[in-house]
Amino acid sequence: MLFSHMGQVPEGIPRDDAMRFRLDMRRRLEKQARAARRNGGLDLYLPVRPRGGIFLMASFIVAEMPIGQDHAVPPEAVLAQLVDDGVSGGTATRVDVAGAPALRRDYRSTLDEGELSTRRVDYVVPVANEPGHWISITFSTPGDGDIDSEFTDVLVELFDAVVSTFRWSFE
């Protein structure tokens, strides 16, 4: 489904470069998906259609985290350690996700050998009813090219709103 929507290219891409653009985007997306899977990724979410004529460059990944799986560590101890570890140049805040204590980290990152700066937000959440199991929900966007812009802040707020709707369901 993802690649069926790549018939359109953003404005400013010359017609002669459209095929090269689509191939490059496909390679990048496949590389991102493979990296997510290698790192415990369970789900990868990408916008696949332009909205209002704008291609949103953003994604988020849900992944399992190898925290305390051999022995259950109390969630508060894990969160305290993660806060102490900090995030270089970012912030770490304790929050509530799906009725559980969690951690939200907001920071900047650089991809592709310094080519692209991105804004990242991670949520680290214990899995309900499964001591020693954790997930991370990691959002990444270059925004509109300025990771400190109002547009980028709106994308981060949208991601925070999505995470605020998470609930556990066990069947």
Protein backbone atom coordinates (compact mmCIF):
# COMPACT_ATOMS: atom_id res chain seq x y z
CA MET A 1 0.00 0.00 0.00
CA LEU A 2 2.77 2.44 0.90
CA PHE A 3 4.41 2.43 -2.52
CA SER A 4 1.13 2.69 -4.40
CA HIS A 5 0.84 6.28 -3.15
CA MET A 6 4.24 7.35 -4.43
CA GLY A 7 2.89 8.40 -7.83
CA GLN A 8 2.87 11.98 -6.61
CA VAL A 9 6.04 13.86 -5.85
CA PRO A 10 6.39 17.09 -3.91
CA GLU A 11 6.26 20.40 -5.74
CA GLY A 12 9.70 21.57 -6.72
CA ILE A 13 10.89 18.13 -7.86
CA PRO A 14 11.47 18.39 -11.62
CA ARG A 15 9.45 15.93 -13.72
CA ASP A 16 12.68 14.35 -15.01
CA ASP A 17 13.75 13.61 -11.42
CA ALA A 18 10.43 12.08 -10.26
CA MET A 19 11.48 8.45 -10.80
CA ARG A 20 14.80 8.99 -9.03
CA PHE A 21 12.94 10.68 -6.15
CA ARG A 22 10.52 7.74 -5.81
CA LEU A 23 13.34 5.17 -5.91
CA ASP A 24 15.35 7.11 -3.33
CA MET A 25 12.31 7.41 -1.04
CA ARG A 26 11.58 3.69 -1.39
CA ARG A 27 15.19 2.79 -0.51
CA ARG A 28 15.14 5.09 2.52
CA LEU A 29 11.81 3.72 3.76
CA GLU A 30 12.91 0.10 3.32
CA LYS A 31 16.17 0.89 5.14
CA GLN A 32 14.20 2.48 7.99
CA ALA A 33 11.87 -0.53 8.21
CA ARG A 34 14.80 -3.00 8.29
CA ALA A 35 16.56 -0.98 11.00
CA ALA A 36 13.35 -0.83 13.04
CA ARG A 37 12.90 -4.60 12.83
CA ARG A 38 16.55 -5.25 13.84
CA ASN A 39 16.04 -3.02 16.88
CA GLY A 40 12.96 -4.83 18.17
CA GLY A 41 10.44 -2.84 16.16
CA LEU A 42 6.90 -4.15 16.30
CA ASP A 43 5.10 -1.45 14.31
CA LEU A 44 6.25 1.33 12.00
CA TYR A 45 3.83 4.17 11.25
CA LEU A 46 4.40 6.46 8.26
CA PRO A 47 2.13 8.99 6.58
CA VAL A 48 1.68 7.76 3.01
CA ARG A 49 -0.46 10.45 1.41
CA PRO A 50 0.02 14.19 1.16
CA ARG A 51 -2.34 16.21 3.33
CA GLY A 52 -3.39 19.57 1.95
CA GLY A 53 -0.72 19.20 -0.71
CA ILE A 54 2.00 18.67 1.92
CA PHE A 55 4.06 15.52 2.35
CA LEU A 56 4.60 15.06 6.08
CA MET A 57 8.02 13.71 6.84
CA ALA A 58 7.41 11.95 10.12
CA SER A 59 7.28 8.46 11.55
CA PHE A 60 6.92 6.59 14.76
CA ILE A 61 8.02 3.14 15.78
CA VAL A 62 6.74 0.92 18.57
CA ALA A 63 9.45 -1.46 19.80
CA GLU A 64 10.09 -3.93 22.59
CA MET A 65 12.81 -2.90 25.01
CA PRO A 66 15.15 -5.37 26.73
CA ILE A 67 14.72 -3.98 30.25
CA GLY A 68 14.64 -6.35 33.21
CA GLN A 69 13.33 -9.34 31.28
CA ASP A 70 15.47 -11.75 33.31
CA HIS A 71 14.26 -10.29 36.59
CA ALA A 72 11.41 -7.90 37.17
CA VAL A 73 12.65 -4.44 38.11
CA PRO A 74 10.07 -2.10 39.65
CA PRO A 75 8.92 0.43 37.03
CA GLU A 76 9.81 3.39 39.26
CA ALA A 77 13.42 2.15 39.50
CA VAL A 78 13.68 1.80 35.72
CA LEU A 79 12.21 5.26 35.15
CA ALA A 80 14.50 6.82 37.76
CA GLN A 81 17.54 5.28 36.04
CA LEU A 82 16.39 6.50 32.63
CA VAL A 83 15.89 10.03 34.00
CA ASP A 84 19.37 9.89 35.56
CA ASP A 85 20.85 8.71 32.25
CA GLY A 86 19.25 11.76 30.64
CA VAL A 87 19.17 12.69 27.00
CA SER A 88 21.96 14.70 25.49
CA GLY A 89 20.59 18.16 24.74
CA GLY A 90 17.03 17.17 25.54
CA THR A 91 14.53 16.78 28.32
CA ALA A 92 13.16 13.78 30.19
CA THR A 93 9.78 14.02 31.92
CA ARG A 94 7.76 11.50 33.89
CA VAL A 95 4.28 11.10 32.43
CA ASP A 96 1.31 8.73 32.56
CA VAL A 97 0.58 6.52 29.53
CA ALA A 98 -2.36 4.09 29.55
CA GLY A 99 -2.63 4.35 33.33
CA ALA A 100 1.04 3.52 33.95
CA PRO A 101 4.04 5.63 34.93
CA ALA A 102 6.16 6.28 31.86
CA LEU A 103 8.95 8.52 30.63
CA ARG A 104 8.82 11.07 27.81
CA ARG A 105 12.12 12.19 26.27
CA ASP A 106 12.34 15.07 23.77
CA TYR A 107 15.63 15.67 21.96
CA ARG A 108 17.37 16.46 18.69
CA SER A 109 19.19 13.94 16.51
CA THR A 110 21.14 13.95 13.27
CA LEU A 111 20.66 11.30 10.59
CA ASP A 112 22.69 10.26 7.56
CA GLU A 113 26.12 11.57 8.56
CA GLY A 114 24.87 15.03 9.45
CA GLU A 115 22.57 15.49 6.45
CA LEU A 116 19.26 15.75 8.28
CA SER A 117 18.45 17.08 11.75
CA THR A 118 15.36 15.62 13.35
CA ARG A 119 13.23 16.20 16.40
CA ARG A 120 12.62 13.04 18.37
CA VAL A 121 10.23 12.16 21.13
CA ASP A 122 10.42 8.80 22.93
CA TYR A 123 7.96 7.34 25.36
CA VAL A 124 9.21 4.43 27.49
CA VAL A 125 6.27 2.49 28.92
CA PRO A 126 5.99 -0.69 31.04
CA VAL A 127 3.68 -3.31 29.54
CA ALA A 128 0.66 -3.76 31.80
CA ASN A 129 0.32 -7.21 33.42
CA GLU A 130 3.78 -8.28 32.17
CA PRO A 131 6.47 -7.35 34.70
CA GLY A 132 9.86 -6.81 33.10
CA HIS A 133 8.42 -6.03 29.68
CA TRP A 134 8.68 -2.53 28.25
CA ILE A 135 7.97 -0.78 24.97
CA SER A 136 9.28 2.40 23.45
CA ILE A 137 7.24 4.60 21.16
CA THR A 138 9.65 6.77 19.18
CA PHE A 139 8.61 9.68 16.98
CA SER A 140 10.94 11.37 14.50
CA THR A 141 10.49 14.32 12.15
CA PRO A 142 12.62 16.94 10.42
CA GLY A 143 9.47 19.10 10.55
CA ASP A 144 9.64 21.80 7.93
CA GLY A 145 13.45 21.78 7.97
CA ASP A 146 13.62 23.80 11.21
CA ILE A 147 13.30 21.45 14.19
CA ASP A 148 12.52 24.43 16.43
CA SER A 149 9.71 25.81 14.26
CA GLU A 150 6.05 26.15 15.18
CA PHE A 151 5.19 23.59 12.46
CA THR A 152 7.56 21.02 14.02
CA ASP A 153 6.08 21.75 17.46
CA VAL A 154 2.60 21.05 16.06
CA LEU A 155 3.76 17.66 14.71
CA VAL A 156 5.20 16.81 18.15
CA GLU A 157 1.92 17.87 19.80
CA LEU A 158 0.01 15.63 17.38
CA PHE A 159 2.24 12.67 18.29
CA ASP A 160 1.75 13.40 22.02
CA ALA A 161 -2.02 13.40 21.40
CA VAL A 162 -1.78 10.01 19.65
CA VAL A 163 0.18 8.51 22.56
CA SER A 164 -2.36 9.92 25.04
CA THR A 165 -4.98 7.63 23.43
CA PHE A 166 -3.03 4.40 24.07
CA ARG A 167 -4.82 1.79 26.16
CA TRP A 168 -3.98 -1.81 27.05
CA SER A 169 -6.29 -4.57 25.85
CA PHE A 170 -5.70 -8.20 26.80
CA GLU A 171 -7.61 -10.99 25.14
